[in-house]
Amino acid sequence: MTTATRHVIPVSGKDSLATAIIQMRREPDLPYELLYNPTGMELPEVEAWLALVEQYLGKPIVRVGDDLGEIIREQQILPAHKQRFCTRLAKIIPMEEWLGTDPARVYYGIRADEQRVGYQSMSGHNITPVYPLKEEGYTLPMVWQLVMDLDLLPPQFFWQSLYEMVVKRLGIARE
């Protein structure tokens, strides 16, 4: 018995949302599943944005993943350029476990103007990565325009108190 291919779109920000919009327009009849990897520390603005995205796309967003704080405690180190475990432990492995052995096409939000490697299987899963933004030639300005036109920009945060603490600790003179 063969299992039907699943069509999964992880949604977490502007690029992945643009991917969902573009892909669902390209092939509207596919049975898409939307996925979000929670950190366990989402602010209310993030949950409100996810609700708007669900409403616009007409599909629920499944939350899959482990608490980022717990992952950091287990690793006993904060993520850094040389300690890149967050994406693997908080996103890739939970998604692969959620998919199980089902074949899946996963649509990732890598733009045409980005030079980075896409999905790399951590354990030989039957996942076929697809890059709609790259395929359609979408660049950063085009992504911004798409989500702005739909009034679906993800929340952006600037924490003044954190900024001031860093400025003070670094001894940066403010003008």
C-alpha atoms as a PDB file:
ATOM      1  CA  MET A   1       0.000   0.000   0.000  1.00  0.00           C
ATOM      2  CA  THR A   2       1.467   3.351  -1.011  1.00  0.00           C
ATOM      3  CA  THR A   3       0.959   6.424   1.095  1.00  0.00           C
ATOM      4  CA  ALA A   4      -0.081   9.611  -0.684  1.00  0.00           C
ATOM      5  CA  THR A   5       2.520  12.336  -0.769  1.00  0.00           C
ATOM      6  CA  ARG A   6       1.958  15.007   1.848  1.00  0.00           C
ATOM      7  CA  HIS A   7       2.363  18.677   0.926  1.00  0.00           C
ATOM      8  CA  VAL A   8       3.776  20.623   3.866  1.00  0.00           C
ATOM      9  CA  ILE A   9       4.556  24.327   4.127  1.00  0.00           C
ATOM     10  CA  PRO A  10       6.385  25.452   7.274  1.00  0.00           C
ATOM     11  CA  VAL A  11       5.283  29.004   8.157  1.00  0.00           C
ATOM     12  CA  SER A  12       7.319  31.206  10.468  1.00  0.00           C
ATOM     13  CA  GLY A  13       7.856  34.610   8.851  1.00  0.00           C
ATOM     14  CA  LYS A  14       7.617  36.698   5.697  1.00  0.00           C
ATOM     15  CA  ASP A  15       9.532  34.359   3.365  1.00  0.00           C
ATOM     16  CA  SER A  16       7.726  31.204   4.406  1.00  0.00           C
ATOM     17  CA  LEU A  17       4.364  32.996   4.302  1.00  0.00           C
ATOM     18  CA  ALA A  18       5.151  34.233   0.783  1.00  0.00           C
ATOM     19  CA  THR A  19       6.051  30.636  -0.089  1.00  0.00           C
ATOM     20  CA  ALA A  20       2.660  29.428   1.150  1.00  0.00           C
ATOM     21  CA  ILE A  21       0.819  32.125  -0.816  1.00  0.00           C
ATOM     22  CA  ILE A  22       2.779  31.532  -4.036  1.00  0.00           C
ATOM     23  CA  GLN A  23       2.634  27.745  -3.840  1.00  0.00           C
ATOM     24  CA  MET A  24      -1.069  27.625  -2.973  1.00  0.00           C
ATOM     25  CA  ARG A  25      -1.736  29.894  -5.970  1.00  0.00           C
ATOM     26  CA  ARG A  26       0.433  27.720  -8.256  1.00  0.00           C
ATOM     27  CA  GLU A  27      -1.262  24.456  -7.323  1.00  0.00           C
ATOM     28  CA  PRO A  28      -4.454  25.304  -5.434  1.00  0.00           C
ATOM     29  CA  ASP A  29      -5.912  21.799  -5.400  1.00  0.00           C
ATOM     30  CA  LEU A  30      -3.175  20.102  -3.386  1.00  0.00           C
ATOM     31  CA  PRO A  31      -3.980  19.089   0.222  1.00  0.00           C
ATOM     32  CA  TYR A  32      -1.555  21.432   1.973  1.00  0.00           C
ATOM     33  CA  GLU A  33      -0.615  21.126   5.614  1.00  0.00           C
ATOM     34  CA  LEU A  34       0.764  24.222   7.324  1.00  0.00           C
ATOM     35  CA  LEU A  35       3.351  23.808  10.061  1.00  0.00           C
ATOM     36  CA  TYR A  36       4.777  26.125  12.714  1.00  0.00           C
ATOM     37  CA  ASN A  37       7.606  25.289  15.104  1.00  0.00           C
ATOM     38  CA  PRO A  38       6.840  27.023  18.409  1.00  0.00           C
ATOM     39  CA  THR A  39       9.644  28.104  20.718  1.00  0.00           C
ATOM     40  CA  GLY A  40       7.518  28.029  23.840  1.00  0.00           C
ATOM     41  CA  MET A  41       8.183  31.756  24.224  1.00  0.00           C
ATOM     42  CA  GLU A  42       5.856  33.255  21.623  1.00  0.00           C
ATOM     43  CA  LEU A  43       4.554  36.707  22.371  1.00  0.00           C
ATOM     44  CA  PRO A  44       0.831  37.401  21.896  1.00  0.00           C
ATOM     45  CA  GLU A  45       1.643  39.310  18.680  1.00  0.00           C
ATOM     46  CA  VAL A  46       3.041  36.137  17.115  1.00  0.00           C
ATOM     47  CA  GLU A  47      -0.057  34.105  17.964  1.00  0.00           C
ATOM     48  CA  ALA A  48      -2.264  36.907  16.600  1.00  0.00           C
ATOM     49  CA  TRP A  49      -0.241  36.923  13.351  1.00  0.00           C
ATOM     50  CA  LEU A  50      -0.517  33.138  13.030  1.00  0.00           C
ATOM     51  CA  ALA A  51      -4.310  33.431  13.462  1.00  0.00           C
ATOM     52  CA  LEU A  52      -4.425  36.018  10.637  1.00  0.00           C
ATOM     53  CA  VAL A  53      -2.345  33.715   8.428  1.00  0.00           C
ATOM     54  CA  GLU A  54      -4.670  30.782   9.159  1.00  0.00           C
ATOM     55  CA  GLN A  55      -7.653  32.941   8.283  1.00  0.00           C
ATOM     56  CA  TYR A  56      -6.115  34.216   5.034  1.00  0.00           C
ATOM     57  CA  LEU A  57      -4.879  30.803   3.866  1.00  0.00           C
ATOM     58  CA  GLY A  58      -8.041  29.023   5.028  1.00  0.00           C
ATOM     59  CA  LYS A  59      -6.136  26.271   6.799  1.00  0.00           C
ATOM     60  CA  PRO A  60      -5.078  25.566  10.372  1.00  0.00           C
ATOM     61  CA  ILE A  61      -1.406  25.742  11.250  1.00  0.00           C
ATOM     62  CA  VAL A  62      -0.221  22.666  13.156  1.00  0.00           C
ATOM     63  CA  ARG A  63       2.250  23.401  15.952  1.00  0.00           C
ATOM     64  CA  VAL A  64       5.088  20.866  15.996  1.00  0.00           C
ATOM     65  CA  GLY A  65       8.319  21.024  17.930  1.00  0.00           C
ATOM     66  CA  ASP A  66      10.075  21.243  21.214  1.00  0.00           C
ATOM     67  CA  ASP A  67      10.420  24.103  23.652  1.00  0.00           C
ATOM     68  CA  LEU A  68      13.514  26.105  22.700  1.00  0.00           C
ATOM     69  CA  GLY A  69      14.327  26.834  26.344  1.00  0.00           C
ATOM     70  CA  GLU A  70      14.398  23.115  27.085  1.00  0.00           C
ATOM     71  CA  ILE A  71      16.625  22.454  24.068  1.00  0.00           C
ATOM     72  CA  ILE A  72      19.062  25.150  25.243  1.00  0.00           C
ATOM     73  CA  ARG A  73      19.094  23.617  28.750  1.00  0.00           C
ATOM     74  CA  GLU A  74      19.770  20.151  27.289  1.00  0.00           C
ATOM     75  CA  GLN A  75      22.607  21.470  25.089  1.00  0.00           C
ATOM     76  CA  GLN A  76      23.949  23.551  28.004  1.00  0.00           C
ATOM     77  CA  ILE A  77      24.914  26.344  25.639  1.00  0.00           C
ATOM     78  CA  LEU A  78      23.235  29.226  23.841  1.00  0.00           C
ATOM     79  CA  PRO A  79      22.978  28.893  20.073  1.00  0.00           C
ATOM     80  CA  ALA A  80      25.740  30.698  18.206  1.00  0.00           C
ATOM     81  CA  HIS A  81      27.413  30.739  14.807  1.00  0.00           C
ATOM     82  CA  LYS A  82      29.642  27.810  15.810  1.00  0.00           C
ATOM     83  CA  GLN A  83      26.924  26.073  17.853  1.00  0.00           C
ATOM     84  CA  ARG A  84      24.097  25.767  15.363  1.00  0.00           C
ATOM     85  CA  PHE A  85      21.710  23.275  16.870  1.00  0.00           C
ATOM     86  CA  CYS A  86      18.457  25.238  16.999  1.00  0.00           C
ATOM     87  CA  THR A  87      17.195  24.633  13.479  1.00  0.00           C
ATOM     88  CA  ARG A  88      18.075  20.949  13.615  1.00  0.00           C
ATOM     89  CA  LEU A  89      16.631  20.253  17.083  1.00  0.00           C
ATOM     90  CA  ALA A  90      13.716  22.704  17.133  1.00  0.00           C
ATOM     91  CA  LYS A  91      12.542  22.453  13.528  1.00  0.00           C
ATOM     92  CA  ILE A  92      13.998  19.705  11.333  1.00  0.00           C
ATOM     93  CA  ILE A  93      13.896  16.720  13.692  1.00  0.00           C
ATOM     94  CA  PRO A  94      10.404  17.523  15.058  1.00  0.00           C
ATOM     95  CA  MET A  95       9.089  17.915  11.483  1.00  0.00           C
ATOM     96  CA  GLU A  96      10.673  14.640  10.398  1.00  0.00           C
ATOM     97  CA  GLU A  97       9.184  12.873  13.435  1.00  0.00           C
ATOM     98  CA  TRP A  98       5.764  14.419  12.714  1.00  0.00           C
ATOM     99  CA  LEU A  99       5.917  13.224   9.088  1.00  0.00           C
ATOM    100  CA  GLY A 100       7.017   9.745  10.114  1.00  0.00           C
ATOM    101  CA  THR A 101       7.676   7.567   7.071  1.00  0.00           C
ATOM    102  CA  ASP A 102       5.180   9.405   4.852  1.00  0.00           C
ATOM    103  CA  PRO A 103       6.585  10.746   1.596  1.00  0.00           C
ATOM    104  CA  ALA A 104       6.349  14.520   1.608  1.00  0.00           C
ATOM    105  CA  ARG A 105       7.019  17.548  -0.538  1.00  0.00           C
ATOM    106  CA  VAL A 106       8.044  20.352   1.791  1.00  0.00           C
ATOM    107  CA  TYR A 107       7.910  23.883   0.403  1.00  0.00           C
ATOM    108  CA  TYR A 108      10.665  26.084   1.848  1.00  0.00           C
ATOM    109  CA  GLY A 109      10.956  29.878   1.813  1.00  0.00           C
ATOM    110  CA  ILE A 110      14.344  30.362   0.208  1.00  0.00           C
ATOM    111  CA  ARG A 111      14.273  33.342  -2.161  1.00  0.00           C
ATOM    112  CA  ALA A 112      15.868  33.709  -5.591  1.00  0.00           C
ATOM    113  CA  ASP A 113      18.328  36.283  -4.183  1.00  0.00           C
ATOM    114  CA  GLU A 114      19.618  33.996  -1.424  1.00  0.00           C
ATOM    115  CA  GLN A 115      22.700  31.853  -1.716  1.00  0.00           C
ATOM    116  CA  ARG A 116      22.164  29.218   0.924  1.00  0.00           C
ATOM    117  CA  VAL A 117      21.710  25.503   1.121  1.00  0.00           C
ATOM    118  CA  GLY A 118      18.183  24.255   1.573  1.00  0.00           C
ATOM    119  CA  TYR A 119      16.859  21.244   3.447  1.00  0.00           C
ATOM    120  CA  GLN A 120      19.340  18.518   4.287  1.00  0.00           C
ATOM    121  CA  SER A 121      17.817  15.302   5.627  1.00  0.00           C
ATOM    122  CA  MET A 122      18.960  14.464   9.126  1.00  0.00           C
ATOM    123  CA  SER A 123      17.900  10.842   8.959  1.00  0.00           C
ATOM    124  CA  GLY A 124      17.109   9.795   5.401  1.00  0.00           C
ATOM    125  CA  HIS A 125      13.457  10.839   5.449  1.00  0.00           C
ATOM    126  CA  ASN A 126      11.422  10.680   2.275  1.00  0.00           C
ATOM    127  CA  ILE A 127      11.216  14.477   1.971  1.00  0.00           C
ATOM    128  CA  THR A 128      11.454  16.247  -1.354  1.00  0.00           C
ATOM    129  CA  PRO A 129      12.330  19.911  -0.816  1.00  0.00           C
ATOM    130  CA  VAL A 130      10.693  22.467  -3.109  1.00  0.00           C
ATOM    131  CA  TYR A 131      11.629  26.159  -3.351  1.00  0.00           C
ATOM    132  CA  PRO A 132       8.728  28.100  -4.936  1.00  0.00           C
ATOM    133  CA  LEU A 133      10.203  31.567  -4.314  1.00  0.00           C
ATOM    134  CA  LYS A 134      13.464  30.595  -5.999  1.00  0.00           C
ATOM    135  CA  GLU A 135      11.589  28.914  -8.867  1.00  0.00           C
ATOM    136  CA  GLU A 136       9.369  31.964  -9.419  1.00  0.00           C
ATOM    137  CA  GLY A 137      12.247  34.460  -9.109  1.00  0.00           C
ATOM    138  CA  TYR A 138      10.998  36.121  -5.904  1.00  0.00           C
ATOM    139  CA  THR A 139      13.516  38.438  -4.247  1.00  0.00           C
ATOM    140  CA  LEU A 140      13.396  40.149  -0.858  1.00  0.00           C
ATOM    141  CA  PRO A 141      11.665  43.330  -2.124  1.00  0.00           C
ATOM    142  CA  MET A 142       9.055  41.200  -3.918  1.00  0.00           C
ATOM    143  CA  VAL A 143       8.371  39.173  -0.749  1.00  0.00           C
ATOM    144  CA  TRP A 144       7.999  42.334   1.350  1.00  0.00           C
ATOM    145  CA  GLN A 145       5.603  43.795  -1.220  1.00  0.00           C
ATOM    146  CA  LEU A 146       3.484  40.625  -1.348  1.00  0.00           C
ATOM    147  CA  VAL A 147       2.966  40.333   2.400  1.00  0.00           C
ATOM    148  CA  MET A 148       2.553  44.114   2.855  1.00  0.00           C
ATOM    149  CA  ASP A 149      -0.115  44.258   0.130  1.00  0.00           C
ATOM    150  CA  LEU A 150      -2.059  41.572   2.007  1.00  0.00           C
ATOM    151  CA  ASP A 151      -1.514  43.302   5.375  1.00  0.00           C
ATOM    152  CA  LEU A 152       0.128  40.118   6.682  1.00  0.00           C
ATOM    153  CA  LEU A 153       3.550  41.346   7.791  1.00  0.00           C
ATOM    154  CA  PRO A 154       4.829  39.290  10.701  1.00  0.00           C
ATOM    155  CA  PRO A 155       5.309  41.197  13.940  1.00  0.00           C
ATOM    156  CA  GLN A 156       8.597  42.996  14.375  1.00  0.00           C
ATOM    157  CA  PHE A 157      10.014  43.719  17.779  1.00  0.00           C
ATOM    158  CA  PHE A 158      12.374  46.306  19.114  1.00  0.00           C
ATOM    159  CA  TRP A 159      12.972  46.022  22.820  1.00  0.00           C
ATOM    160  CA  GLN A 160      14.215  49.391  24.007  1.00  0.00           C
ATOM    161  CA  SER A 161      15.242  48.120  27.436  1.00  0.00           C
ATOM    162  CA  LEU A 162      17.343  45.308  25.952  1.00  0.00           C
ATOM    163  CA  TYR A 163      18.947  47.733  23.494  1.00  0.00           C
ATOM    164  CA  GLU A 164      19.842  50.138  26.301  1.00  0.00           C
ATOM    165  CA  MET A 165      21.329  47.332  28.396  1.00  0.00           C
ATOM    166  CA  VAL A 166      23.547  46.202  25.487  1.00  0.00           C
ATOM    167  CA  VAL A 167      24.614  49.789  24.715  1.00  0.00           C
ATOM    168  CA  LYS A 168      25.551  50.316  28.378  1.00  0.00           C
ATOM    169  CA  ARG A 169      27.431  47.016  28.641  1.00  0.00           C
ATOM    170  CA  LEU A 170      29.375  47.683  25.454  1.00  0.00           C
ATOM    171  CA  GLY A 171      30.132  51.240  26.535  1.00  0.00           C
ATOM    172  CA  ILE A 172      28.749  52.768  23.354  1.00  0.00           C
ATOM    173  CA  ALA A 173      28.204  56.497  23.626  1.00  0.00           C
ATOM    174  CA  ARG A 174      24.766  57.528  22.414  1.00  0.00           C
ATOM    175  CA  GLU A 175      24.269  60.856  20.746  1.00  0.00           C
END
